[in-house]
Protein backbone atom coordinates (compact mmCIF):
# COMPACT_ATOMS: atom_id res chain seq x y z
CA UNK A 1 -93.44 126.11 129.31
CA UNK A 2 -92.18 127.27 125.88
CA UNK A 3 -91.96 130.89 126.89
CA UNK A 4 -90.26 129.92 130.11
CA UNK A 5 -87.59 128.03 128.20
CA UNK A 6 -87.01 130.91 125.73
CA UNK A 7 -86.51 133.15 128.72
CA UNK A 8 -83.99 130.89 130.19
CA UNK A 9 -82.04 130.61 126.80
CA UNK A 10 -82.23 134.33 126.35
CA UNK A 11 -80.64 134.97 129.76
CA UNK A 12 -77.95 132.42 129.13
CA UNK A 13 -77.01 134.03 125.86
CA UNK A 14 -76.89 137.50 127.53
CA UNK A 15 -74.57 136.07 130.23
CA UNK A 16 -72.24 134.38 127.62
CA UNK A 17 -71.99 137.74 125.67
CA UNK A 18 -71.04 139.48 128.82
CA UNK A 19 -68.38 136.93 129.57
CA UNK A 20 -66.81 137.41 126.19
CA UNK A 21 -66.78 141.14 126.57
CA UNK A 22 -65.15 140.77 130.02
CA UNK A 23 -62.53 138.53 128.58
CA UNK A 24 -61.78 140.81 125.60
CA UNK A 25 -61.41 143.78 128.26
CA UNK A 26 -59.15 141.69 130.44
CA UNK A 27 -56.94 140.54 127.45
CA UNK A 28 -56.51 144.19 126.30
CA UNK A 29 -55.79 145.40 129.80
CA UNK A 30 -53.24 142.74 130.37
CA UNK A 31 -51.36 143.90 127.20
CA UNK A 32 -51.55 147.57 128.29
CA UNK A 33 -50.24 146.50 131.73
CA UNK A 34 -47.36 144.52 130.20
CA UNK A 35 -46.52 147.58 128.05
CA UNK A 36 -46.44 149.91 131.01
CA UNK A 37 -44.29 147.58 132.94
CA UNK A 38 -41.74 147.37 130.19
CA UNK A 39 -41.78 151.06 129.78
CA UNK A 40 -41.18 151.54 133.47
CA UNK A 41 -38.42 149.05 133.47
CA UNK A 42 -36.63 150.86 130.64
CA UNK A 43 -36.93 154.19 132.60
CA UNK A 44 -35.43 152.54 135.83
CA UNK A 45 -38.73 152.60 137.59
CA UNK A 46 -39.65 149.75 140.06
CA UNK A 47 -37.56 147.16 141.79
CA UNK A 48 -33.82 147.21 142.07
CA UNK A 49 -33.78 144.30 139.43
CA UNK A 50 -35.08 146.79 136.94
CA UNK A 51 -32.32 149.17 137.73
CA UNK A 52 -29.72 146.51 136.85
CA UNK A 53 -30.81 146.47 133.28
CA UNK A 54 -28.05 148.91 132.21
CA UNK A 55 -24.73 146.78 132.14
CA UNK A 56 -21.23 147.94 132.95
CA UNK A 57 -19.37 149.66 130.12
CA UNK A 58 -15.70 149.47 129.54
CA UNK A 59 -13.51 152.43 128.32
CA UNK A 60 -11.08 152.30 125.43
CA UNK A 61 -8.58 152.73 128.21
CA UNK A 62 -9.26 149.18 129.42
CA UNK A 63 -10.06 150.55 132.93
CA UNK A 64 -13.37 148.77 133.24
CA UNK A 65 -15.37 151.95 133.64
CA UNK A 66 -19.00 151.30 134.63
CA UNK A 67 -22.16 152.91 133.21
CA UNK A 68 -24.47 151.96 136.07
CA UNK A 69 -27.68 154.04 136.34
CA UNK A 70 -27.91 153.77 140.13
CA UNK A 71 -29.19 156.74 142.07
CA UNK A 72 -27.62 158.30 145.13
CA UNK A 73 -31.19 158.68 146.80
CA UNK A 74 -34.27 156.43 147.16
CA UNK A 75 -36.01 158.17 144.25
CA UNK A 76 -35.91 155.50 141.40
CA UNK A 77 -35.83 158.23 138.79
CA UNK A 78 -32.82 160.10 140.45
CA UNK A 79 -30.22 158.20 138.40
CA UNK A 80 -31.62 159.76 135.10
CA UNK A 81 -30.05 163.15 134.33
CA UNK A 82 -32.00 166.03 132.71
CA UNK A 83 -30.68 164.84 129.38
CA UNK A 84 -32.22 161.50 129.85
CA UNK A 85 -28.68 159.57 130.08
CA UNK A 86 -26.66 157.94 132.81
CA UNK A 87 -23.46 159.53 134.06
CA UNK A 88 -20.53 157.87 132.48
CA UNK A 89 -16.70 157.90 133.17
CA UNK A 90 -14.96 158.34 129.79
CA UNK A 91 -11.34 158.88 131.05
CA UNK A 92 -9.24 158.73 134.14
CA UNK A 93 -5.91 160.57 134.29
CA UNK A 94 -3.57 159.06 135.15
CA UNK A 95 -5.36 155.49 135.00
CA UNK A 96 -2.74 153.90 137.25
CA UNK A 97 -0.03 155.10 139.53
CA UNK A 98 2.90 153.71 141.58
CA UNK A 99 1.52 152.34 144.98
CA UNK A 100 3.94 154.27 147.09
CA UNK A 101 3.02 157.73 145.79
CA UNK A 102 0.12 160.01 146.42
CA UNK A 103 -1.29 161.62 143.20
CA UNK A 104 -4.18 163.83 142.07
CA UNK A 105 -6.28 162.02 139.45
CA UNK A 106 -8.97 163.61 137.22
CA UNK A 107 -12.10 161.73 136.03
CA UNK A 108 -13.84 162.87 132.92
CA UNK A 109 -17.55 162.27 133.36
CA UNK A 110 -20.38 162.68 130.78
CA UNK A 111 -23.90 163.67 132.07
CA UNK A 112 -22.91 165.52 135.17
CA UNK A 113 -26.32 166.76 136.29
CA UNK A 114 -26.74 164.13 138.93
CA UNK A 115 -23.55 165.02 140.70
CA UNK A 116 -23.69 167.72 143.38
CA UNK A 117 -21.59 170.61 143.46
CA UNK A 118 -20.24 170.12 146.88
CA UNK A 119 -19.86 167.22 149.55
CA UNK A 120 -18.77 164.61 146.95
CA UNK A 121 -16.05 161.97 147.68
CA UNK A 122 -13.84 159.53 145.70
CA UNK A 123 -14.11 155.97 147.20
CA UNK A 124 -11.39 153.28 146.61
CA UNK A 125 -12.70 149.85 147.34
CA UNK A 126 -10.30 147.00 147.83
CA UNK A 127 -11.14 143.37 148.79
CA UNK A 128 -10.50 144.19 152.46
CA UNK A 129 -10.40 147.92 152.83
CA UNK A 130 -12.33 150.99 151.57
CA UNK A 131 -10.61 154.26 151.45
CA UNK A 132 -12.36 157.59 151.02
CA UNK A 133 -10.81 161.01 149.84
CA UNK A 134 -12.39 164.36 149.24
CA UNK A 135 -13.32 165.30 145.62
CA UNK A 136 -14.05 168.49 143.67
CA UNK A 137 -16.62 168.89 140.99
CA UNK A 138 -15.15 170.36 137.66
CA UNK A 139 -16.80 171.42 134.52
CA UNK A 140 -16.04 168.07 132.74
CA UNK A 141 -15.93 165.76 135.73
CA UNK A 142 -14.44 165.27 139.06
CA UNK A 143 -10.90 165.57 140.69
CA UNK A 144 -9.65 163.79 143.72
CA UNK A 145 -6.50 162.74 145.58
CA UNK A 146 -5.44 158.92 145.99
CA UNK A 147 -5.30 157.52 149.59
CA UNK A 148 -2.16 157.67 151.63
CA UNK A 149 0.13 154.83 150.49
CA UNK A 150 0.49 153.38 154.05
CA UNK A 151 -3.25 152.69 154.01
CA UNK A 152 -3.24 150.99 150.68
CA UNK A 153 -3.14 147.20 150.86
CA UNK A 154 0.31 145.58 149.86
CA UNK A 155 0.59 144.14 146.40
CA UNK A 156 0.23 140.30 146.57
CA UNK A 157 3.32 138.26 146.37
CA UNK A 158 4.21 137.32 142.85
CA UNK A 159 1.85 140.07 141.52
CA UNK A 160 2.85 143.59 140.36
CA UNK A 161 -0.36 145.49 140.88
CA UNK A 162 -3.52 145.66 142.94
CA UNK A 163 -6.83 146.90 141.59
CA UNK A 164 -9.36 148.98 143.26
CA UNK A 165 -12.89 150.12 142.35
CA UNK A 166 -13.00 153.79 142.25
CA UNK A 167 -16.47 155.38 142.52
CA UNK A 168 -17.92 158.91 142.98
CA UNK A 169 -20.59 159.34 145.53
CA UNK A 170 -22.19 162.20 147.69
CA UNK A 171 -20.84 162.36 151.26
CA UNK A 172 -24.01 160.75 152.78
CA UNK A 173 -25.15 158.90 149.64
CA UNK A 174 -24.42 155.80 147.41
CA UNK A 175 -22.25 155.45 144.31
CA UNK A 176 -23.16 157.49 141.31
CA UNK A 177 -20.59 156.13 138.89
CA UNK A 178 -17.57 153.92 139.17
CA UNK A 179 -14.45 152.38 137.28
CA UNK A 180 -11.38 150.55 138.18
CA UNK A 181 -8.22 151.96 139.16
CA UNK A 182 -4.72 150.26 139.36
CA UNK A 183 -1.96 150.78 141.89
CA UNK A 184 1.18 149.17 140.54
CA UNK A 185 4.71 148.53 142.21
CA UNK A 186 7.83 148.59 140.15
CA UNK A 187 9.87 147.41 143.07
CA UNK A 188 8.11 144.19 142.65
CA UNK A 189 10.10 143.37 139.46
CA UNK A 190 13.32 141.61 140.23
CA UNK A 191 14.93 141.58 136.72
CA UNK A 192 15.62 144.16 134.07
CA UNK A 193 13.68 142.33 131.38
CA UNK A 194 10.52 142.14 133.51
CA UNK A 195 10.84 145.74 134.54
CA UNK A 196 11.19 147.51 131.25
CA UNK A 197 8.83 145.22 129.36
CA UNK A 198 5.96 145.83 131.72
CA UNK A 199 2.76 147.84 130.99
CA UNK A 200 3.71 150.32 133.78
CA UNK A 201 6.19 153.36 133.62
CA UNK A 202 9.11 151.44 135.21
CA UNK A 203 12.91 151.88 134.56
CA UNK A 204 15.85 149.83 135.45
CA UNK A 205 18.94 151.13 137.31
CA UNK A 206 21.84 148.76 136.09
CA UNK A 207 24.31 149.34 138.94
CA UNK A 208 21.67 149.69 141.51
CA UNK A 209 20.03 146.57 140.12
CA UNK A 210 16.56 147.69 140.90
CA UNK A 211 13.38 148.68 139.16
CA UNK A 212 11.92 152.06 139.93
CA UNK A 213 9.19 154.57 139.04
CA UNK A 214 11.49 157.42 140.10
CA UNK A 215 14.86 157.50 138.23
CA UNK A 216 15.90 160.98 139.43
CA UNK A 217 15.82 159.80 143.11
CA UNK A 218 16.87 156.13 142.73
CA UNK A 219 19.22 156.05 139.60
CA UNK A 220 21.58 159.04 140.23
CA UNK A 221 24.88 158.48 138.44
CA UNK A 222 23.71 155.25 137.21
CA UNK A 223 23.14 153.60 133.85
CA UNK A 224 19.49 153.68 133.05
CA UNK A 225 17.31 151.33 130.86
CA UNK A 226 13.98 152.74 130.36
CA UNK A 227 10.65 151.00 130.15
CA UNK A 228 8.84 150.57 126.90
CA UNK A 229 5.76 152.18 128.50
CA UNK A 230 7.71 155.45 129.02
CA UNK A 231 6.80 158.26 126.70
CA UNK A 232 9.58 160.11 125.05
CA UNK A 233 12.95 159.44 123.48
CA UNK A 234 15.52 157.24 125.28
CA UNK A 235 19.09 156.20 124.63
CA UNK A 236 18.31 152.61 125.98
CA UNK A 237 14.82 151.45 125.88
CA UNK A 238 13.42 147.96 126.48
CA UNK A 239 14.67 144.46 127.08
CA UNK A 240 17.43 144.45 124.45
CA UNK A 241 19.51 146.59 126.55
CA UNK A 242 19.41 144.56 129.64
CA UNK A 243 22.47 142.55 130.81
CA UNK A 244 21.39 139.03 130.11
CA UNK A 245 22.33 135.42 129.31
CA UNK A 246 21.43 135.20 125.69
CA UNK A 247 22.40 131.67 124.52
CA UNK A 248 24.39 128.42 124.78
CA UNK A 249 26.92 126.96 122.45
CA UNK A 250 24.36 124.37 121.24
CA UNK A 251 21.68 126.99 120.61
CA UNK A 252 19.24 125.25 122.99
CA UNK A 253 17.81 126.30 126.34
CA UNK A 254 19.23 123.31 128.06
CA UNK A 255 22.94 122.52 128.93
CA UNK A 256 23.39 118.83 128.91
CA UNK A 257 25.57 117.35 131.50
CA UNK A 258 25.89 113.59 132.30
CA UNK A 259 25.67 112.59 135.94
CA UNK A 260 28.83 112.18 137.91
CA UNK A 261 30.76 113.92 135.14
CA UNK A 262 32.86 116.96 135.26
CA UNK A 263 31.91 119.90 132.92
CA UNK A 264 32.91 123.58 132.34
CA UNK A 265 29.66 125.45 131.41
CA UNK A 266 29.78 128.31 129.02
CA UNK A 267 27.21 130.69 127.80
CA UNK A 268 26.85 133.84 125.68
CA UNK A 269 25.93 136.99 127.42
CA UNK A 270 24.99 140.67 126.66
CA UNK A 271 26.61 143.14 129.11
CA UNK A 272 25.50 146.79 129.50
CA UNK A 273 28.03 149.00 131.36
CA UNK A 274 31.68 148.48 131.15
CA UNK A 275 32.04 148.80 134.86
CA UNK A 276 30.39 145.40 135.02
CA UNK A 277 32.91 143.91 132.88
CA UNK A 278 35.92 145.52 134.18
CA UNK A 279 35.41 145.77 137.87
CA UNK A 280 33.50 142.61 138.79
CA UNK A 281 34.08 139.10 139.59
CA UNK A 282 31.54 136.75 137.91
CA UNK A 283 30.15 133.62 139.70
CA UNK A 284 28.21 130.69 138.18
CA UNK A 285 25.35 129.56 140.53
CA UNK A 286 23.84 126.11 140.11
CA UNK A 287 21.06 124.79 142.31
CA UNK A 288 20.73 120.95 142.18
CA UNK A 289 18.04 119.21 144.27
CA UNK A 290 17.76 122.22 146.41
CA UNK A 291 21.37 122.46 147.13
CA UNK A 292 23.38 125.52 145.78
CA UNK A 293 26.93 125.16 144.32
CA UNK A 294 28.93 128.21 143.10
CA UNK A 295 32.09 128.32 140.94
CA UNK A 296 34.13 131.15 139.74
CA UNK A 297 33.77 132.51 136.07
CA UNK A 298 35.39 134.90 133.65
CA UNK A 299 34.07 137.01 130.97
CA UNK A 300 36.01 136.87 127.63
CA UNK A 301 34.36 139.02 124.79
CA UNK A 302 30.70 138.01 124.91
CA UNK A 303 31.10 134.62 126.56
CA UNK A 304 31.09 133.56 130.27
CA UNK A 305 33.29 130.57 131.13
CA UNK A 306 32.41 128.82 134.40
CA UNK A 307 35.02 126.82 136.19
CA UNK A 308 34.64 123.04 135.67
CA UNK A 309 32.64 121.34 138.39
CA UNK A 310 31.14 117.76 138.99
CA UNK A 311 27.49 117.38 138.40
CA UNK A 312 25.59 114.73 140.23
CA UNK A 313 22.28 114.02 141.96
CA UNK A 314 20.89 111.33 144.14
CA UNK A 315 17.34 110.62 142.97
CA UNK A 316 16.52 107.53 140.92
CA UNK A 317 15.38 109.52 137.89
CA UNK A 318 16.80 109.41 134.41
CA UNK A 319 17.32 113.13 134.48
CA UNK A 320 16.67 116.24 136.56
CA UNK A 321 16.89 119.98 135.73
CA UNK A 322 19.07 122.36 137.73
CA UNK A 323 18.54 126.09 137.85
CA UNK A 324 21.48 128.28 136.51
CA UNK A 325 22.42 131.84 137.13
CA UNK A 326 25.36 134.19 136.69
CA UNK A 327 26.15 136.61 139.56
CA UNK A 328 28.16 139.72 139.63
CA UNK A 329 29.08 142.21 142.27
CA UNK A 330 30.41 139.69 144.73
CA UNK A 331 27.40 137.46 144.15
CA UNK A 332 24.82 139.90 144.98
CA UNK A 333 23.28 140.64 141.63
CA UNK A 334 22.27 138.36 138.78
CA UNK A 335 22.23 138.74 134.91
CA UNK A 336 18.88 138.34 133.48
CA UNK A 337 17.94 134.90 132.09
CA UNK A 338 14.91 135.67 129.82
CA UNK A 339 15.24 132.44 127.98
CA UNK A 340 15.30 130.39 131.24
CA UNK A 341 18.46 128.58 130.33
CA UNK A 342 19.07 125.49 132.69
CA UNK A 343 21.17 122.44 133.13
CA UNK A 344 19.77 119.08 132.35
CA UNK A 345 21.78 116.36 134.31
CA UNK A 346 21.05 112.92 132.95
CA UNK A 347 22.03 109.23 133.40
CA UNK A 348 22.48 107.12 130.21
CA UNK A 349 21.98 103.97 132.18
CA UNK A 350 18.44 105.08 133.32
CA UNK A 351 17.69 106.24 129.84
CA UNK A 352 18.23 102.76 128.33
CA UNK A 353 19.18 99.37 129.80
CA UNK A 354 20.17 97.48 126.57
CA UNK A 355 22.62 97.98 123.90
CA UNK A 356 20.13 98.64 121.12
CA UNK A 357 18.01 100.93 123.36
CA UNK A 358 21.24 102.82 124.24
CA UNK A 359 22.27 103.41 120.61
CA UNK A 360 18.89 104.61 119.61
CA UNK A 361 18.84 107.46 122.05
CA UNK A 362 19.08 111.07 120.94
CA UNK A 363 22.75 111.83 119.82
CA UNK A 364 22.64 114.96 122.08
CA UNK A 365 23.13 112.67 125.14
CA UNK A 366 26.43 111.12 123.59
CA UNK A 367 25.56 107.86 125.19
CA UNK A 368 27.07 104.58 124.24
CA UNK A 369 27.16 100.93 125.24
CA UNK A 370 30.01 100.18 127.68
CA UNK A 371 31.06 96.43 127.20
CA UNK A 372 33.02 96.44 130.37
CA UNK A 373 30.07 97.22 132.58
CA UNK A 374 27.27 95.98 130.26
CA UNK A 375 25.45 99.43 130.55
CA UNK A 376 24.61 102.57 128.70
CA UNK A 377 27.32 105.25 129.74
CA UNK A 378 29.08 108.21 128.36
CA UNK A 379 32.60 107.45 126.90
CA UNK A 380 34.32 109.03 129.98
CA UNK A 381 32.42 107.00 132.28
CA UNK A 382 33.12 103.75 130.54
CA UNK A 383 36.36 102.27 132.00
CA UNK A 384 36.68 105.48 134.12
CA UNK A 385 39.52 104.01 136.27
CA UNK A 386 41.74 103.46 133.15
CA UNK A 387 41.07 107.03 132.05
CA UNK A 388 41.95 108.41 135.41
CA UNK A 389 45.09 106.22 135.63
CA UNK A 390 46.43 107.79 132.69
CA UNK A 391 45.33 111.33 133.70
CA UNK A 392 43.02 111.65 130.74
CA UNK A 393 40.15 113.86 131.57
CA UNK A 394 38.81 115.04 128.24
CA UNK A 395 36.78 113.45 125.67
CA UNK A 396 39.49 113.66 122.94
CA UNK A 397 41.92 111.53 124.94
CA UNK A 398 39.30 109.07 125.96
CA UNK A 399 38.45 108.56 122.32
CA UNK A 400 41.71 106.76 121.89
CA UNK A 401 40.50 103.85 124.16
CA UNK A 402 39.97 100.39 122.73
CA UNK A 403 36.80 100.52 120.65
CA UNK A 404 35.84 97.20 122.14
CA UNK A 405 35.06 98.98 125.34
CA UNK A 406 32.50 101.31 124.14
CA UNK A 407 29.96 101.32 121.12
CA UNK A 408 27.94 104.30 120.05
CA UNK A 409 25.55 104.98 117.22
CA UNK A 410 28.54 106.18 115.16
CA UNK A 411 31.07 103.54 116.32
CA UNK A 412 30.19 99.94 116.12
CA UNK A 413 27.01 97.88 116.55
CA UNK A 414 25.55 95.96 119.33
CA UNK A 415 26.84 92.39 119.94
CA UNK A 416 24.03 90.02 119.48
CA UNK A 417 23.71 86.28 119.85
CA UNK A 418 21.80 84.98 116.80
CA UNK A 419 21.56 81.30 117.91
CA UNK A 420 22.67 78.77 120.64
CA UNK A 421 22.98 75.06 119.67
CA UNK A 422 21.97 73.11 121.61
CA UNK A 423 19.72 75.51 123.57
CA UNK A 424 19.09 73.12 126.36
CA UNK A 425 21.07 70.18 127.74
CA UNK A 426 20.66 67.05 130.00
CA UNK A 427 21.99 68.16 133.56
CA UNK A 428 24.15 65.14 133.81
CA UNK A 429 25.82 65.54 130.53
CA UNK A 430 28.88 67.73 129.86
CA UNK A 431 29.20 68.87 126.23
CA UNK A 432 30.10 71.76 123.95
CA UNK A 433 27.71 74.30 122.82
CA UNK A 434 28.07 76.77 119.82
CA UNK A 435 27.04 80.43 120.07
CA UNK A 436 26.58 82.25 116.70
CA UNK A 437 27.38 85.96 117.64
CA UNK A 438 26.77 88.98 115.54
CA UNK A 439 29.30 91.95 115.70
CA UNK A 440 31.60 89.95 117.92
CA UNK A 441 34.29 92.37 119.19
CA UNK A 442 38.09 91.65 119.00
CA UNK A 443 38.56 90.26 122.42
CA UNK A 444 42.26 90.23 123.43
CA UNK A 445 43.61 87.06 125.06
CA UNK A 446 41.69 84.11 126.00
CA UNK A 447 37.88 84.06 126.40
CA UNK A 448 35.53 82.17 128.75
CA UNK A 449 31.81 81.33 129.04
CA UNK A 450 30.12 82.16 132.47
CA UNK A 451 27.02 80.26 133.55
CA UNK A 452 25.17 82.19 136.10
CA UNK A 453 22.54 80.49 138.41
CA UNK A 454 20.74 83.56 139.99
CA UNK A 455 18.68 81.42 142.30
CA UNK A 456 21.81 79.89 143.69
CA UNK A 457 23.99 83.09 143.42
CA UNK A 458 26.55 80.98 141.70
CA UNK A 459 28.61 81.59 138.50
CA UNK A 460 30.68 78.83 136.96
CA UNK A 461 33.30 79.77 134.37
CA UNK A 462 34.37 77.36 131.52
CA UNK A 463 36.77 77.60 128.63
CA UNK A 464 35.80 79.05 125.24
CA UNK A 465 37.17 79.19 121.93
CA UNK A 466 36.65 81.08 118.67
CA UNK A 467 36.28 78.65 115.81
CA UNK A 468 38.89 79.49 113.18
CA UNK A 469 36.69 78.63 110.36
CA UNK A 470 33.83 80.82 111.60
CA UNK A 471 34.93 84.12 113.18
CA UNK A 472 31.39 84.79 114.57
CA UNK A 473 30.96 81.45 116.38
CA UNK A 474 32.21 80.81 119.98
CA UNK A 475 32.20 77.26 121.39
CA UNK A 476 31.83 76.64 125.14
CA UNK A 477 32.11 73.59 127.32
CA UNK A 478 29.30 73.16 129.90
CA UNK A 479 30.15 72.92 133.50
CA UNK A 480 31.01 69.67 135.26
CA UNK A 481 27.76 68.14 136.31
CA UNK A 482 28.68 67.95 139.98
CA UNK A 483 29.02 71.80 139.99
CA UNK A 484 25.69 72.42 138.58
CA UNK A 485 23.01 72.99 141.20
CA UNK A 486 20.35 70.43 141.72
CA UNK A 487 16.98 70.78 140.02
CA UNK A 488 14.41 72.15 142.61
CA UNK A 489 11.89 69.63 143.82
CA UNK A 490 8.91 69.30 141.63
CA UNK A 491 10.62 70.89 138.73
CA UNK A 492 12.35 69.32 135.68
CA UNK A 493 14.91 71.96 134.76
CA UNK A 494 17.09 74.79 136.02
CA UNK A 495 18.04 77.95 133.94
CA UNK A 496 21.42 79.64 133.72
CA UNK A 497 22.31 82.97 132.29
CA UNK A 498 25.05 82.40 129.68
CA UNK A 499 27.64 85.15 129.05
CA UNK A 500 30.94 85.50 127.22
CA UNK A 501 33.91 87.42 128.74
CA UNK A 502 37.64 87.88 128.49
CA UNK A 503 39.23 85.35 130.80
CA UNK A 504 40.47 88.17 132.85
CA UNK A 505 37.51 90.65 132.39
CA UNK A 506 33.89 91.31 132.80
CA UNK A 507 30.87 89.88 130.75
CA UNK A 508 30.41 91.15 127.18
CA UNK A 509 26.58 91.31 127.37
CA UNK A 510 25.03 89.32 124.52
CA UNK A 511 21.45 89.91 123.57
CA UNK A 512 18.75 88.36 121.43
CA UNK A 513 16.09 90.79 120.89
CA UNK A 514 17.50 92.72 123.90
CA UNK A 515 16.89 89.70 126.24
CA UNK A 516 19.42 87.74 128.10
CA UNK A 517 20.34 84.38 126.75
CA UNK A 518 19.53 81.61 129.14
CA UNK A 519 20.41 78.07 128.83
CA UNK A 520 18.02 75.32 130.10
CA UNK A 521 19.89 72.31 131.70
CA UNK A 522 17.23 69.53 131.92
CA UNK A 523 17.12 66.74 134.33
CA UNK A 524 15.37 63.59 132.71
CA UNK A 525 16.22 61.14 135.39
CA UNK A 526 12.71 61.45 136.83
CA UNK A 527 11.24 60.86 133.35
CA UNK A 528 13.41 57.67 133.12
CA UNK A 529 12.12 56.54 136.57
CA UNK A 530 8.71 57.04 135.32
CA UNK A 531 9.33 54.89 132.32
CA UNK A 532 10.83 52.11 134.51
CA UNK A 533 7.78 52.18 136.75
CA UNK A 534 5.58 51.95 133.75
CA UNK A 535 7.63 48.90 132.45
CA UNK A 536 7.49 47.41 135.91
CA UNK A 537 3.67 47.79 136.01
CA UNK A 538 3.42 46.16 132.59
CA UNK A 539 5.62 43.20 133.62
CA UNK A 540 3.33 42.77 136.68
CA UNK A 541 0.27 42.77 134.42
CA UNK A 542 1.89 40.15 132.42
CA UNK A 543 2.46 38.21 135.46
CA UNK A 544 -0.99 38.40 136.49
CA UNK A 545 -2.05 37.24 133.11
CA UNK A 546 0.26 34.25 133.23
CA UNK A 547 -1.12 33.27 136.70
CA UNK A 548 -4.61 33.39 135.40
CA UNK A 549 -3.74 31.28 132.37
CA UNK A 550 -2.07 28.83 134.85
CA UNK A 551 -5.32 28.64 136.98
CA UNK A 552 -7.29 27.96 133.86
CA UNK A 553 -4.91 25.16 132.84
CA UNK A 554 -5.09 23.67 136.33
CA UNK A 555 -8.88 23.82 136.16
CA UNK A 556 -8.91 22.06 132.73
CA UNK A 557 -6.54 19.40 134.19
CA UNK A 558 -8.86 18.84 137.10
CA UNK A 559 -11.85 18.39 134.68
CA UNK A 560 -9.84 15.84 132.74
CA UNK A 561 -8.89 13.89 135.78
CA UNK A 562 -12.60 13.71 137.00
CA UNK A 563 -13.58 12.40 133.54
CA UNK A 564 -10.96 9.75 133.56
CA UNK A 565 -12.09 8.58 137.08
CA UNK A 566 -15.82 8.35 135.98
CA UNK A 567 -14.63 6.08 133.13
């Protein structure tokens, strides 16, 4: 038994040693296999995923040239040249062309071994089209012609170029090497500034008012502004030589105009070509809420003066922006507007609805508080009827108006009620109330107090006087009680808006912390009735007590009588 056991243990030990040896061989083999796979992947052998290890490379030209080691045949090693490197496009001349032209281009390619001597093509791939042209191999690369321009897709609206993938391939093979190629269109630029500042070799014809790639054909006998991308000397090069609107009198991009006001807009311009200045009628073009309005204009020195026009809009916004352009050549051509100068039409009364809010607006709006309308307005709009009646249409004459009518951040301060005494009254009582008013204007003639009951759409006017001993105090008499609306059922008071006005004029709006002053007229008759009812209840209770006492007394009297009978 002992020998048999020893044999079993010996056999188990041999098997264990064999297993360890097999494990060591497997582990070593796995590392060898992994090394071979990595080596194969680095050489481009194996699946298509392995071929994608080499990433696209971009040339110094910025043309997005690719360095893909992708073979033209099924042989996975065919992408590798005899030098052991991938083909690579290092230059394309020219690297972009005008879309409407056909041009021969040269591709400089390193590691040409893979490219066959004959039967090769250039392929221009767009999103929805692939165009193929013949190519010829040269000592340093490949040369081919761009496709016919009527086959090239149009440049998208709002864009100035379209990009194709340019690749070289055998006639019956797949791409060997590729890069990107740009077709631009100078005709897509509509302003001189855009045209001559672009990355493409475009020039601007001033009289022709067009951007072109071919000045000899399209700019004959015309003034030329050359693009900054053009090579060589030029008399006029770049945006500084474009005819353009260059500024406003305020130095801002916006031209401020109050709604419902008349204004003559003027701007500083830069004009190239004396024929523009001498032989053309200028027009100012305004587009307000989609509607175009044009007025005549004149050029004096470096300034365009537009005829005065009325600016207004219909939407309920505090302001809107209107586009602005200066046209010449019978309105067919426009000066550049590189700073995007525009008209800002605004309404003071929508920017602020209180006196204090109005006076804190930016001074550029020139808004002020109009006492006659109790609203924020420009000076011309305040008491406009008075201005028009006297044929005063400019701000200087309007400034001679009574300062009571208009208060600005520079002229006067808001009229404010500091206190009302008493601030509520019994509805059935007529009495005087005192208003302490800060910055009370000099109101000509007599003044009145107005009590407005909004729920009843009713306003009651009473006399008012300024107290001589206190110039800032106005005393009013409350309305006759039979004129005051009744207190609504279930309520105990009714509220009136109290204002002060010239006897023959409109309210002078009086604010406390920018809130309307309201006077509560109380009705306490119901409270008195409640008190009477309570007193009546008390009296009834007293009567009940007295009856109880009387009953007690009668009971006592009955008891006494019974006692007397017994005796």
